[in-house]
């Protein structure tokens, strides 16, 4: 028998994301706010050229720019 998350069509990472969100929302207000801040992530990357690191770029910002250049509408 397959796990419930797999039967629901979720990946394991998505299942963990949903479970963590449910736990954070169930906490009391003071603890919940701190937990929600820990749950936010920001992914950045840098392009390396000739052994030198370039500027750090936020992945969400870079994706928005690439989508605009490609003429693809932004999805939430």
PDB file of N, CA and C in Angstrom:
ATOM      1  N   UNK A   1       0.851  -1.191   0.000  1.00  0.00           N
ATOM      2  CA  UNK A   1       0.000   0.000   0.000  1.00  0.00           C
ATOM      3  C   UNK A   1       0.893   1.251   0.000  1.00  0.00           C
ATOM      4  N   UNK A   2       0.592   2.166  -0.889  1.00  0.00           N
ATOM      5  CA  UNK A   2       1.380   3.388  -1.027  1.00  0.00           C
ATOM      6  C   UNK A   2       1.064   4.356   0.114  1.00  0.00           C
ATOM      7  N   UNK A   3       2.068   5.165   0.506  1.00  0.00           N
ATOM      8  CA  UNK A   3       1.803   6.182   1.535  1.00  0.00           C
ATOM      9  C   UNK A   3       0.719   7.154   1.055  1.00  0.00           C
ATOM     10  N   UNK A   4       0.012   7.744   2.015  1.00  0.00           N
ATOM     11  CA  UNK A   4      -1.102   8.637   1.695  1.00  0.00           C
ATOM     12  C   UNK A   4      -0.658   9.817   0.834  1.00  0.00           C
ATOM     13  N   UNK A   5       0.530  10.364   1.119  1.00  0.00           N
ATOM     14  CA  UNK A   5       0.991  11.521   0.348  1.00  0.00           C
ATOM     15  C   UNK A   5       1.245  11.155  -1.099  1.00  0.00           C
ATOM     16  N   UNK A   6       1.734   9.942  -1.322  1.00  0.00           N
ATOM     17  CA  UNK A   6       2.000   9.495  -2.688  1.00  0.00           C
ATOM     18  C   UNK A   6       0.689   9.209  -3.414  1.00  0.00           C
ATOM     19  N   UNK A   7      -0.260   8.605  -2.701  1.00  0.00           N
ATOM     20  CA  UNK A   7      -1.568   8.309  -3.297  1.00  0.00           C
ATOM     21  C   UNK A   7      -2.315   9.593  -3.650  1.00  0.00           C
ATOM     22  N   UNK A   8      -2.035  10.676  -2.917  1.00  0.00           N
ATOM     23  CA  UNK A   8      -2.675  11.965  -3.188  1.00  0.00           C
ATOM     24  C   UNK A   8      -1.999  12.710  -4.333  1.00  0.00           C
ATOM     25  N   UNK A   9      -0.916  12.147  -4.869  1.00  0.00           N
ATOM     26  CA  UNK A   9      -0.227  12.772  -5.994  1.00  0.00           C
ATOM     27  C   UNK A   9       0.798  13.823  -5.584  1.00  0.00           C
ATOM     28  N   UNK A  10       1.246  13.800  -4.332  1.00  0.00           N
ATOM     29  CA  UNK A  10       2.227  14.765  -3.855  1.00  0.00           C
ATOM     30  C   UNK A  10       3.624  14.157  -3.891  1.00  0.00           C
ATOM     31  N   UNK A  11       4.610  15.022  -4.083  1.00  0.00           N
ATOM     32  CA  UNK A  11       5.979  14.575  -3.906  1.00  0.00           C
ATOM     33  C   UNK A  11       6.273  14.616  -2.408  1.00  0.00           C
ATOM     34  N   UNK A  12       7.329  13.944  -1.997  1.00  0.00           N
ATOM     35  CA  UNK A  12       7.662  13.925  -0.576  1.00  0.00           C
ATOM     36  C   UNK A  12       8.002  15.329  -0.080  1.00  0.00           C
ATOM     37  N   UNK A  13       8.707  16.114  -0.892  1.00  0.00           N
ATOM     38  CA  UNK A  13       9.043  17.480  -0.492  1.00  0.00           C
ATOM     39  C   UNK A  13       7.798  18.337  -0.326  1.00  0.00           C
ATOM     40  N   UNK A  14       6.840  18.198  -1.225  1.00  0.00           N
ATOM     41  CA  UNK A  14       5.592  18.957  -1.117  1.00  0.00           C
ATOM     42  C   UNK A  14       4.820  18.533   0.130  1.00  0.00           C
ATOM     43  N   UNK A  15       4.806  17.221   0.405  1.00  0.00           N
ATOM     44  CA  UNK A  15       4.155  16.698   1.602  1.00  0.00           C
ATOM     45  C   UNK A  15       4.780  17.323   2.854  1.00  0.00           C
ATOM     46  N   UNK A  16       6.115  17.379   2.918  1.00  0.00           N
ATOM     47  CA  UNK A  16       6.786  17.976   4.065  1.00  0.00           C
ATOM     48  C   UNK A  16       6.469  19.462   4.188  1.00  0.00           C
ATOM     49  N   UNK A  17       6.381  20.153   3.054  1.00  0.00           N
ATOM     50  CA  UNK A  17       6.049  21.578   3.063  1.00  0.00           C
ATOM     51  C   UNK A  17       4.662  21.806   3.652  1.00  0.00           C
ATOM     52  N   UNK A  18       3.701  21.003   3.222  1.00  0.00           N
ATOM     53  CA  UNK A  18       2.329  21.130   3.712  1.00  0.00           C
ATOM     54  C   UNK A  18       2.265  20.792   5.207  1.00  0.00           C
ATOM     55  N   UNK A  19       2.931  19.715   5.604  1.00  0.00           N
ATOM     56  CA  UNK A  19       2.922  19.314   7.010  1.00  0.00           C
ATOM     57  C   UNK A  19       3.544  20.396   7.896  1.00  0.00           C
ATOM     58  N   UNK A  20       4.650  20.984   7.456  1.00  0.00           N
ATOM     59  CA  UNK A  20       5.303  22.035   8.231  1.00  0.00           C
ATOM     60  C   UNK A  20       4.399  23.263   8.347  1.00  0.00           C
ATOM     61  N   UNK A  21       3.710  23.606   7.266  1.00  0.00           N
ATOM     62  CA  UNK A  21       2.797  24.751   7.292  1.00  0.00           C
ATOM     63  C   UNK A  21       1.663  24.514   8.277  1.00  0.00           C
ATOM     64  N   UNK A  22       1.125  23.303   8.295  1.00  0.00           N
ATOM     65  CA  UNK A  22       0.033  22.968   9.218  1.00  0.00           C
ATOM     66  C   UNK A  22       0.513  23.084  10.664  1.00  0.00           C
ATOM     67  N   UNK A  23       1.696  22.575  10.944  1.00  0.00           N
ATOM     68  CA  UNK A  23       2.229  22.650  12.307  1.00  0.00           C
ATOM     69  C   UNK A  23       2.443  24.103  12.703  1.00  0.00           C
ATOM     70  N   UNK A  24       3.034  24.910  11.825  1.00  0.00           N
ATOM     71  CA  UNK A  24       3.271  26.326  12.145  1.00  0.00           C
ATOM     72  C   UNK A  24       1.976  27.058  12.436  1.00  0.00           C
ATOM     73  N   UNK A  25       0.941  26.796  11.651  1.00  0.00           N
ATOM     74  CA  UNK A  25      -0.338  27.484  11.841  1.00  0.00           C
ATOM     75  C   UNK A  25      -1.069  27.035  13.101  1.00  0.00           C
ATOM     76  N   UNK A  26      -0.710  25.890  13.650  1.00  0.00           N
ATOM     77  CA  UNK A  26      -1.382  25.388  14.846  1.00  0.00           C
ATOM     78  C   UNK A  26      -0.766  25.932  16.134  1.00  0.00           C
ATOM     79  N   UNK A  27       0.375  26.606  16.038  1.00  0.00           N
ATOM     80  CA  UNK A  27       1.059  27.118  17.219  1.00  0.00           C
ATOM     81  C   UNK A  27       0.392  28.378  17.756  1.00  0.00           C
ATOM     82  N   UNK A  28       0.672  28.699  19.020  1.00  0.00           N
ATOM     83  CA  UNK A  28       0.181  29.942  19.609  1.00  0.00           C
ATOM     84  C   UNK A  28       0.868  31.107  18.905  1.00  0.00           C
ATOM     85  N   UNK A  29       0.228  32.288  18.963  1.00  0.00           N
ATOM     86  CA  UNK A  29       0.673  33.436  18.175  1.00  0.00           C
ATOM     87  C   UNK A  29       2.144  33.793  18.333  1.00  0.00           C
ATOM     88  N   UNK A  30       2.639  33.906  19.564  1.00  0.00           N
ATOM     89  CA  UNK A  30       4.025  34.346  19.744  1.00  0.00           C
ATOM     90  C   UNK A  30       5.020  33.338  19.158  1.00  0.00           C
ATOM     91  N   UNK A  31       4.769  32.066  19.347  1.00  0.00           N
ATOM     92  CA  UNK A  31       5.649  31.033  18.807  1.00  0.00           C
ATOM     93  C   UNK A  31       5.432  30.887  17.300  1.00  0.00           C
ATOM     94  N   UNK A  32       4.196  31.045  16.857  1.00  0.00           N
ATOM     95  CA  UNK A  32       3.860  30.886  15.436  1.00  0.00           C
ATOM     96  C   UNK A  32       4.600  31.905  14.580  1.00  0.00           C
ATOM     97  N   UNK A  33       4.667  33.152  15.030  1.00  0.00           N
ATOM     98  CA  UNK A  33       5.341  34.186  14.241  1.00  0.00           C
ATOM     99  C   UNK A  33       6.819  33.861  14.034  1.00  0.00           C
ATOM    100  N   UNK A  34       7.476  33.402  15.081  1.00  0.00           N
ATOM    101  CA  UNK A  34       8.894  33.034  14.957  1.00  0.00           C
ATOM    102  C   UNK A  34       9.055  31.831  14.028  1.00  0.00           C
ATOM    103  N   UNK A  35       8.156  30.866  14.128  1.00  0.00           N
ATOM    104  CA  UNK A  35       8.235  29.668  13.290  1.00  0.00           C
ATOM    105  C   UNK A  35       7.963  30.008  11.823  1.00  0.00           C
ATOM    106  N   UNK A  36       7.028  30.918  11.562  1.00  0.00           N
ATOM    107  CA  UNK A  36       6.741  31.303  10.178  1.00  0.00           C
ATOM    108  C   UNK A  36       7.927  32.001   9.541  1.00  0.00           C
ATOM    109  N   UNK A  37       8.642  32.808  10.327  1.00  0.00           N
ATOM    110  CA  UNK A  37       9.837  33.472   9.791  1.00  0.00           C
ATOM    111  C   UNK A  37      10.904  32.451   9.416  1.00  0.00           C
ATOM    112  N   UNK A  38      11.046  31.401  10.212  1.00  0.00           N
ATOM    113  CA  UNK A  38      12.021  30.352   9.899  1.00  0.00           C
ATOM    114  C   UNK A  38      11.612  29.575   8.657  1.00  0.00           C
ATOM    115  N   UNK A  39      10.306  29.544   8.363  1.00  0.00           N
ATOM    116  CA  UNK A  39       9.818  28.788   7.222  1.00  0.00           C
ATOM    117  C   UNK A  39      10.023  29.478   5.888  1.00  0.00           C
ATOM    118  N   UNK A  40      10.335  30.764   5.912  1.00  0.00           N
ATOM    119  CA  UNK A  40      10.555  31.499   4.672  1.00  0.00           C
ATOM    120  C   UNK A  40      11.975  31.264   4.192  1.00  0.00           C
ATOM    121  N   UNK A  41      12.110  31.042   2.916  1.00  0.00           N
ATOM    122  CA  UNK A  41      13.438  30.816   2.370  1.00  0.00           C
ATOM    123  C   UNK A  41      13.714  31.787   1.234  1.00  0.00           C
ATOM    124  N   UNK A  42      14.957  32.055   1.042  1.00  0.00           N
ATOM    125  CA  UNK A  42      15.378  32.908  -0.067  1.00  0.00           C
ATOM    126  C   UNK A  42      16.571  32.224  -0.711  1.00  0.00           C
ATOM    127  N   UNK A  43      16.421  31.898  -1.958  1.00  0.00           N
ATOM    128  CA  UNK A  43      17.474  31.196  -2.673  1.00  0.00           C
ATOM    129  C   UNK A  43      18.185  32.170  -3.606  1.00  0.00           C
ATOM    130  N   UNK A  44      19.507  32.186  -3.515  1.00  0.00           N
ATOM    131  CA  UNK A  44      20.297  33.064  -4.366  1.00  0.00           C
ATOM    132  C   UNK A  44      21.372  32.251  -5.070  1.00  0.00           C
ATOM    133  N   UNK A  45      21.832  32.780  -6.180  1.00  0.00           N
ATOM    134  CA  UNK A  45      22.900  32.115  -6.924  1.00  0.00           C
ATOM    135  C   UNK A  45      23.878  33.160  -7.430  1.00  0.00           C
ATOM    136  N   UNK A  46      25.057  32.685  -7.793  1.00  0.00           N
ATOM    137  CA  UNK A  46      26.081  33.553  -8.365  1.00  0.00           C
ATOM    138  C   UNK A  46      26.698  32.834  -9.548  1.00  0.00           C
ATOM    139  N   UNK A  47      26.966  33.573 -10.598  1.00  0.00           N
ATOM    140  CA  UNK A  47      27.622  33.008 -11.773  1.00  0.00           C
ATOM    141  C   UNK A  47      29.131  33.191 -11.594  1.00  0.00           C
ATOM    142  N   UNK A  48      29.863  32.105 -11.785  1.00  0.00           N
ATOM    143  CA  UNK A  48      31.311  32.127 -11.648  1.00  0.00           C
ATOM    144  C   UNK A  48      31.948  32.221 -13.030  1.00  0.00           C
ATOM    145  N   UNK A  49      32.905  33.132 -13.174  1.00  0.00           N
ATOM    146  CA  UNK A  49      33.626  33.305 -14.428  1.00  0.00           C
ATOM    147  C   UNK A  49      35.114  33.415 -14.121  1.00  0.00           C
ATOM    148  N   UNK A  50      35.909  32.594 -14.759  1.00  0.00           N
ATOM    149  CA  UNK A  50      37.374  32.603 -14.585  1.00  0.00           C
ATOM    150  C   UNK A  50      37.758  32.490 -13.111  1.00  0.00           C
ATOM    151  N   UNK A  51      37.045  31.677 -12.370  1.00  0.00           N
ATOM    152  CA  UNK A  51      37.380  31.461 -10.969  1.00  0.00           C
ATOM    153  C   UNK A  51      36.950  32.566 -10.027  1.00  0.00           C
ATOM    154  N   UNK A  52      36.191  33.532 -10.515  1.00  0.00           N
ATOM    155  CA  UNK A  52      35.723  34.648  -9.687  1.00  0.00           C
ATOM    156  C   UNK A  52      34.202  34.585  -9.574  1.00  0.00           C
ATOM    157  N   UNK A  53      33.720  34.775  -8.339  1.00  0.00           N
ATOM    158  CA  UNK A  53      32.282  34.760  -8.115  1.00  0.00           C
ATOM    159  C   UNK A  53      31.676  36.088  -8.530  1.00  0.00           C
ATOM    160  N   UNK A  54      30.576  36.007  -9.274  1.00  0.00           N
ATOM    161  CA  UNK A  54      29.853  37.210  -9.667  1.00  0.00           C
ATOM    162  C   UNK A  54      28.898  37.660  -8.573  1.00  0.00           C
ATOM    163  N   UNK A  55      28.045  38.600  -8.901  1.00  0.00           N
ATOM    164  CA  UNK A  55      27.081  39.122  -7.931  1.00  0.00           C
ATOM    165  C   UNK A  55      26.042  38.060  -7.578  1.00  0.00           C
ATOM    166  N   UNK A  56      25.609  38.072  -6.311  1.00  0.00           N
ATOM    167  CA  UNK A  56      24.544  37.179  -5.879  1.00  0.00           C
ATOM    168  C   UNK A  56      23.215  37.701  -6.419  1.00  0.00           C
ATOM    169  N   UNK A  57      22.410  36.807  -6.946  1.00  0.00           N
ATOM    170  CA  UNK A  57      21.120  37.165  -7.531  1.00  0.00           C
ATOM    171  C   UNK A  57      20.035  36.303  -6.911  1.00  0.00           C
ATOM    172  N   UNK A  58      18.946  36.925  -6.511  1.00  0.00           N
ATOM    173  CA  UNK A  58      17.807  36.202  -5.970  1.00  0.00           C
ATOM    174  C   UNK A  58      17.172  35.402  -7.096  1.00  0.00           C
ATOM    175  N   UNK A  59      16.901  34.117  -6.864  1.00  0.00           N
ATOM    176  CA  UNK A  59      16.352  33.244  -7.905  1.00  0.00           C
ATOM    177  C   UNK A  59      14.969  33.726  -8.353  1.00  0.00           C
ATOM    178  N   UNK A  60      14.132  34.177  -7.414  1.00  0.00           N
ATOM    179  CA  UNK A  60      12.790  34.645  -7.770  1.00  0.00           C
ATOM    180  C   UNK A  60      12.874  35.868  -8.688  1.00  0.00           C
ATOM    181  N   UNK A  61      13.794  36.795  -8.377  1.00  0.00           N
ATOM    182  CA  UNK A  61      13.960  37.984  -9.220  1.00  0.00           C
ATOM    183  C   UNK A  61      14.481  37.610 -10.602  1.00  0.00           C
ATOM    184  N   UNK A  62      15.472  36.720 -10.652  1.00  0.00           N
ATOM    185  CA  UNK A  62      16.036  36.292 -11.930  1.00  0.00           C
ATOM    186  C   UNK A  62      14.987  35.572 -12.766  1.00  0.00           C
ATOM    187  N   UNK A  63      14.146  34.781 -12.127  1.00  0.00           N
ATOM    188  CA  UNK A  63      13.087  34.073 -12.837  1.00  0.00           C
ATOM    189  C   UNK A  63      12.072  35.061 -13.411  1.00  0.00           C
ATOM    190  N   UNK A  64      11.707  36.085 -12.638  1.00  0.00           N
ATOM    191  CA  UNK A  64      10.754  37.082 -13.113  1.00  0.00           C
ATOM    192  C   UNK A  64      11.302  37.829 -14.328  1.00  0.00           C
ATOM    193  N   UNK A  65      12.589  38.157 -14.290  1.00  0.00           N
ATOM    194  CA  UNK A  65      13.220  38.855 -15.419  1.00  0.00           C
ATOM    195  C   UNK A  65      13.228  37.954 -16.650  1.00  0.00           C
ATOM    196  N   UNK A  66      13.593  36.693 -16.472  1.00  0.00           N
ATOM    197  CA  UNK A  66      13.639  35.761 -17.596  1.00  0.00           C
ATOM    198  C   UNK A  66      12.259  35.545 -18.202  1.00  0.00           C
ATOM    199  N   UNK A  67      11.245  35.466 -17.354  1.00  0.00           N
ATOM    200  CA  UNK A  67       9.873  35.279 -17.846  1.00  0.00           C
ATOM    201  C   UNK A  67       9.411  36.509 -18.627  1.00  0.00           C
ATOM    202  N   UNK A  68       9.766  37.695 -18.139  1.00  0.00           N
ATOM    203  CA  UNK A  68       9.393  38.928 -18.826  1.00  0.00           C
ATOM    204  C   UNK A  68      10.084  39.011 -20.183  1.00  0.00           C
ATOM    205  N   UNK A  69      11.353  38.637 -20.244  1.00  0.00           N
ATOM    206  CA  UNK A  69      12.082  38.658 -21.505  1.00  0.00           C
ATOM    207  C   UNK A  69      11.525  37.658 -22.503  1.00  0.00           C
ATOM    208  N   UNK A  70      11.049  36.535 -21.995  1.00  0.00           N
ATOM    209  CA  UNK A  70      10.493  35.494 -22.874  1.00  0.00           C
ATOM    210  C   UNK A  70       9.043  35.810 -23.263  1.00  0.00           C
ATOM    211  N   UNK A  71       8.456  36.796 -22.605  1.00  0.00           N
ATOM    212  CA  UNK A  71       7.072  37.155 -22.905  1.00  0.00           C
ATOM    213  C   UNK A  71       6.056  36.190 -22.309  1.00  0.00           C
ATOM    214  N   UNK A  72       6.489  35.436 -21.317  1.00  0.00           N
ATOM    215  CA  UNK A  72       5.602  34.481 -20.646  1.00  0.00           C
ATOM    216  C   UNK A  72       4.926  35.181 -19.478  1.00  0.00           C
ATOM    217  N   UNK A  73       3.614  35.043 -19.352  1.00  0.00           N
ATOM    218  CA  UNK A  73       2.929  35.691 -18.223  1.00  0.00           C
ATOM    219  C   UNK A  73       3.370  35.096 -16.899  1.00  0.00           C
ATOM    220  N   UNK A  74       3.422  35.938 -15.872  1.00  0.00           N
ATOM    221  CA  UNK A  74       3.849  35.495 -14.551  1.00  0.00           C
ATOM    222  C   UNK A  74       2.730  34.717 -13.888  1.00  0.00           C
ATOM    223  N   UNK A  75       3.098  33.585 -13.281  1.00  0.00           N
ATOM    224  CA  UNK A  75       2.124  32.812 -12.512  1.00  0.00           C
ATOM    225  C   UNK A  75       2.469  32.963 -11.054  1.00  0.00           C
ATOM    226  N   UNK A  76       1.468  33.095 -10.217  1.00  0.00           N
ATOM    227  CA  UNK A  76       1.626  33.325  -8.783  1.00  0.00           C
ATOM    228  C   UNK A  76       2.907  32.774  -8.332  1.00  0.00           C
TER     229      UNK A  76
END
